[in-house]
Amino acid sequence: MTDKTRDGAFALTRRTLMESCAVAAAATGFGLPAKPAFADAPGDPAPQMLSVRLAVNGTEHDLTLDTRTTLLDALREHLDLNGSKKGCDHGQCGACTVLVDGRRINSCLTLAAMHDGDAITTIEGLGTEEQLHPIQAAFLQHDGFQCGYCTPGQICSSVGMLAEVKAGWPSHVTEDLVGKAAFTDAEIRERMSGNLCRCSAYPNIVAAIRDVAGTEL
């Protein structure tokens, strides 16, 4: 209800306003159906599964995977090969780098189903505890890491990069596109630019790769 002011006009009090709003809200709710008038949306469809044979580190594995499974998730979650790391999951950091038929790829950006029968090499397949891969040994010698999270991807990328140089593939900074690339520090940094190290161990990583390149190229 309202109250009169001294001059006879009606004034709306706070209590009256609250009561009016409550009555209006209750009246609006009458007659509404208990459930939505439209049918419930169907649930998510069941995932489509596919049989895939992955040849990883010289061993074949027959898997049944969701077709949306990335190669990285197949390696980590289905084969327990946790060396390849999930960093950005957007192909920007290189922590998930593996070798497929000798070429380096970001395993977070490719589907496992796309690599049926391909030869896949992860950090676990590059060397052994008794006989490290030359790149692994060089990273240890030159302290090419700090926390080590990016190191598996750095090493796999280094191996793939050296193979690219041997094959005569130029980089963005290669001056002579016909002759053999001069394996300078600038070449190494450019070719490894897809692998990030938040600890900033780049000088030691470059030194490790340069050391191995001097014996293999």
Protein backbone atom coordinates (compact mmCIF):
# COMPACT_ATOMS: atom_id res chain seq x y z
CA MET A 1 0.00 0.00 0.00
CA THR A 2 1.00 3.63 -0.37
CA ASP A 3 1.41 6.41 2.14
CA LYS A 4 0.20 9.98 1.76
CA THR A 5 2.66 12.84 1.89
CA ARG A 6 1.91 16.05 3.70
CA ASP A 7 0.52 17.68 0.55
CA GLY A 8 -1.91 14.80 -0.04
CA ALA A 9 0.05 13.02 -2.82
CA PHE A 10 0.73 9.33 -2.59
CA ALA A 11 4.34 8.09 -2.08
CA LEU A 12 5.55 4.53 -2.74
CA THR A 13 7.40 3.07 0.22
CA ARG A 14 10.20 0.52 -0.01
CA ARG A 15 8.05 -2.10 1.73
CA THR A 16 5.19 -1.57 -0.71
CA LEU A 17 7.57 -1.93 -3.67
CA MET A 18 8.96 -5.23 -2.36
CA GLU A 19 5.46 -6.62 -1.76
CA SER A 20 4.32 -5.62 -5.23
CA CYS A 21 7.32 -7.31 -6.88
CA ALA A 22 6.72 -10.53 -4.92
CA VAL A 23 3.06 -10.66 -5.94
CA ALA A 24 3.93 -10.03 -9.59
CA ALA A 25 6.57 -12.78 -9.59
CA ALA A 26 4.17 -15.31 -8.06
CA ALA A 27 1.43 -14.45 -10.53
CA THR A 28 3.78 -14.85 -13.47
CA GLY A 29 4.70 -18.38 -12.39
CA PHE A 30 1.14 -19.71 -12.45
CA GLY A 31 0.25 -21.86 -15.40
CA LEU A 32 3.81 -22.58 -16.55
CA PRO A 33 4.55 -26.22 -17.43
CA ALA A 34 6.72 -28.17 -15.02
CA LYS A 35 8.95 -29.29 -17.93
CA PRO A 36 10.08 -27.48 -21.07
CA ALA A 37 7.60 -27.67 -23.92
CA PHE A 38 10.35 -28.86 -26.28
CA ALA A 39 11.89 -32.33 -26.14
CA ASP A 40 15.20 -32.82 -24.39
CA ALA A 41 18.20 -32.63 -26.69
CA PRO A 42 19.73 -36.04 -27.38
CA GLY A 43 22.96 -36.93 -25.62
CA ASP A 44 26.36 -36.90 -27.25
CA PRO A 45 26.74 -39.66 -29.83
CA ALA A 46 28.92 -42.61 -28.96
CA PRO A 47 32.53 -42.15 -30.11
CA GLN A 48 33.50 -43.83 -33.35
CA MET A 49 36.19 -46.43 -32.72
CA LEU A 50 38.86 -47.59 -35.15
CA SER A 51 41.48 -50.34 -35.14
CA VAL A 52 44.97 -48.90 -35.61
CA ARG A 53 48.36 -50.58 -35.78
CA LEU A 54 51.11 -48.30 -34.54
CA ALA A 55 54.74 -49.32 -35.02
CA VAL A 56 56.45 -47.52 -32.15
CA ASN A 57 60.16 -47.87 -31.42
CA GLY A 58 60.32 -51.07 -33.46
CA THR A 59 57.33 -52.75 -31.80
CA GLU A 60 53.87 -53.03 -33.37
CA HIS A 61 50.84 -52.29 -31.23
CA ASP A 62 47.26 -53.09 -32.24
CA LEU A 63 44.94 -50.55 -30.65
CA THR A 64 41.26 -49.72 -30.81
CA LEU A 65 41.00 -45.96 -30.49
CA ASP A 66 38.47 -43.18 -30.65
CA THR A 67 39.01 -41.67 -34.09
CA ARG A 68 39.61 -38.30 -32.40
CA THR A 69 42.60 -39.58 -30.39
CA THR A 70 45.76 -37.67 -31.15
CA LEU A 71 49.03 -39.50 -31.65
CA LEU A 72 50.33 -37.89 -28.46
CA ASP A 73 47.43 -39.19 -26.39
CA ALA A 74 47.75 -42.64 -27.95
CA LEU A 75 51.42 -42.77 -26.97
CA ARG A 76 50.93 -41.47 -23.44
CA GLU A 77 47.57 -42.89 -22.43
CA HIS A 78 47.43 -46.16 -24.35
CA LEU A 79 51.09 -47.21 -24.66
CA ASP A 80 52.43 -45.62 -21.44
CA LEU A 81 55.18 -43.83 -23.34
CA ASN A 82 55.24 -40.67 -21.26
CA GLY A 83 58.49 -39.22 -22.55
CA SER A 84 56.66 -37.15 -25.14
CA LYS A 85 55.18 -34.26 -23.19
CA LYS A 86 51.89 -32.41 -23.55
CA GLY A 87 52.83 -28.78 -23.21
CA CYS A 88 50.63 -26.32 -25.07
CA ASP A 89 48.56 -28.96 -26.93
CA HIS A 90 48.41 -26.48 -29.82
CA GLY A 91 51.59 -27.31 -31.74
CA GLN A 92 53.39 -24.21 -30.51
CA CYS A 93 55.93 -25.47 -27.96
CA GLY A 94 57.39 -28.63 -29.52
CA ALA A 95 57.40 -30.63 -26.27
CA CYS A 96 55.46 -33.41 -28.01
CA THR A 97 57.85 -33.80 -30.96
CA VAL A 98 58.35 -37.37 -32.20
CA LEU A 99 59.75 -38.86 -35.40
CA VAL A 100 57.42 -40.44 -37.96
CA ASP A 101 59.26 -42.24 -40.75
CA GLY A 102 62.30 -40.20 -39.75
CA ARG A 103 60.60 -36.82 -39.95
CA ARG A 104 59.83 -34.72 -36.90
CA ILE A 105 56.21 -33.82 -36.20
CA ASN A 106 54.14 -32.36 -33.38
CA SER A 107 52.26 -35.39 -32.14
CA CYS A 108 49.57 -33.25 -30.50
CA LEU A 109 48.44 -31.99 -33.92
CA THR A 110 48.03 -35.30 -35.71
CA LEU A 111 45.54 -38.11 -35.21
CA ALA A 112 46.76 -41.59 -34.34
CA ALA A 113 44.52 -43.02 -37.06
CA MET A 114 46.58 -41.15 -39.66
CA HIS A 115 49.71 -43.14 -38.79
CA ASP A 116 48.54 -46.71 -39.18
CA GLY A 117 51.65 -48.67 -40.13
CA ASP A 118 54.04 -45.70 -39.91
CA ALA A 119 57.38 -46.08 -38.13
CA ILE A 120 57.15 -43.89 -35.03
CA THR A 121 60.15 -43.10 -32.84
CA THR A 122 59.79 -41.46 -29.44
CA ILE A 123 62.45 -40.37 -27.00
CA GLU A 124 62.28 -43.85 -25.44
CA GLY A 125 63.40 -45.40 -28.72
CA LEU A 126 66.41 -43.22 -29.50
CA GLY A 127 68.89 -44.84 -27.17
CA THR A 128 69.31 -47.05 -24.13
CA GLU A 129 70.64 -46.50 -20.64
CA GLU A 130 73.83 -48.27 -21.68
CA GLN A 131 74.15 -46.60 -25.09
CA LEU A 132 72.74 -43.11 -25.39
CA HIS A 133 71.98 -41.54 -28.72
CA PRO A 134 74.74 -39.02 -29.64
CA ILE A 135 72.29 -36.14 -29.23
CA GLN A 136 71.27 -37.39 -25.78
CA ALA A 137 74.92 -37.65 -24.74
CA ALA A 138 75.63 -34.16 -26.08
CA PHE A 139 72.71 -32.66 -24.16
CA LEU A 140 74.13 -34.18 -20.98
CA GLN A 141 77.64 -33.00 -21.73
CA HIS A 142 76.58 -29.43 -22.53
CA ASP A 143 73.81 -29.13 -19.90
CA GLY A 144 71.25 -28.57 -22.62
CA PHE A 145 68.36 -28.52 -20.15
CA GLN A 146 67.30 -27.36 -16.71
CA CYS A 147 63.87 -28.63 -15.65
CA GLY A 148 63.93 -31.16 -18.50
CA TYR A 149 60.26 -30.96 -19.44
CA CYS A 150 60.95 -29.84 -23.00
CA THR A 151 64.05 -32.01 -23.41
CA PRO A 152 62.44 -35.10 -25.05
CA GLY A 153 60.94 -32.88 -27.72
CA GLN A 154 64.18 -30.92 -28.10
CA ILE A 155 66.17 -34.11 -28.62
CA CYS A 156 63.72 -35.69 -31.07
CA SER A 157 63.56 -32.43 -32.98
CA SER A 158 67.37 -32.24 -33.06
CA VAL A 159 67.60 -35.73 -34.55
CA GLY A 160 65.02 -34.90 -37.19
CA MET A 161 66.67 -31.57 -37.92
CA LEU A 162 70.07 -33.14 -38.53
CA ALA A 163 68.44 -35.58 -40.95
CA GLU A 164 66.90 -32.63 -42.80
CA VAL A 165 70.30 -30.97 -43.11
CA LYS A 166 71.84 -34.18 -44.43
CA ALA A 167 69.07 -34.36 -47.02
CA GLY A 168 69.93 -30.85 -48.19
CA TRP A 169 66.76 -29.13 -46.99
CA PRO A 170 67.30 -25.36 -46.68
CA SER A 171 65.90 -23.25 -43.86
CA HIS A 172 64.61 -19.69 -43.82
CA VAL A 173 68.12 -18.37 -43.13
CA THR A 174 70.00 -20.58 -45.62
CA GLU A 175 71.77 -18.26 -48.04
CA ASP A 176 72.77 -20.79 -50.70
CA LEU A 177 69.67 -22.76 -51.65
CA VAL A 178 71.61 -24.95 -54.09
CA GLY A 179 74.77 -25.83 -52.20
CA LYS A 180 75.22 -27.42 -48.81
CA ALA A 181 73.91 -25.34 -45.93
CA ALA A 182 76.55 -23.79 -43.69
CA PHE A 183 75.72 -25.25 -40.30
CA THR A 184 76.02 -22.06 -38.26
CA ASP A 185 74.48 -21.19 -34.92
CA ALA A 186 71.93 -19.10 -36.81
CA GLU A 187 70.95 -22.19 -38.82
CA ILE A 188 70.55 -24.25 -35.66
CA ARG A 189 68.44 -21.61 -33.93
CA GLU A 190 66.20 -21.20 -36.97
CA ARG A 191 65.73 -24.92 -37.49
CA MET A 192 64.98 -25.44 -33.77
CA SER A 193 62.72 -22.40 -33.43
CA GLY A 194 59.64 -24.60 -33.09
CA ASN A 195 60.90 -26.01 -29.78
CA LEU A 196 60.58 -23.69 -26.80
CA CYS A 197 62.51 -23.85 -23.54
CA ARG A 198 61.06 -21.79 -20.71
CA CYS A 199 64.29 -22.29 -18.75
CA SER A 200 66.15 -20.57 -21.62
CA ALA A 201 68.81 -23.24 -22.04
CA TYR A 202 69.11 -22.28 -25.71
CA PRO A 203 72.88 -21.54 -25.78
CA ASN A 204 73.66 -24.99 -24.39
CA ILE A 205 71.15 -26.66 -26.70
CA VAL A 206 72.79 -25.01 -29.69
CA ALA A 207 76.22 -26.09 -28.44
CA ALA A 208 75.06 -29.69 -28.04
CA ILE A 209 73.62 -29.84 -31.55
CA ARG A 210 76.68 -28.16 -33.04
CA ASP A 211 78.91 -30.71 -31.32
CA VAL A 212 77.02 -33.65 -32.86
CA ALA A 213 76.70 -31.96 -36.24
CA GLY A 214 80.46 -31.68 -36.43
CA THR A 215 80.77 -35.47 -36.44
CA GLU A 216 77.66 -36.45 -38.41
CA LEU A 217 77.39 -33.85 -41.18
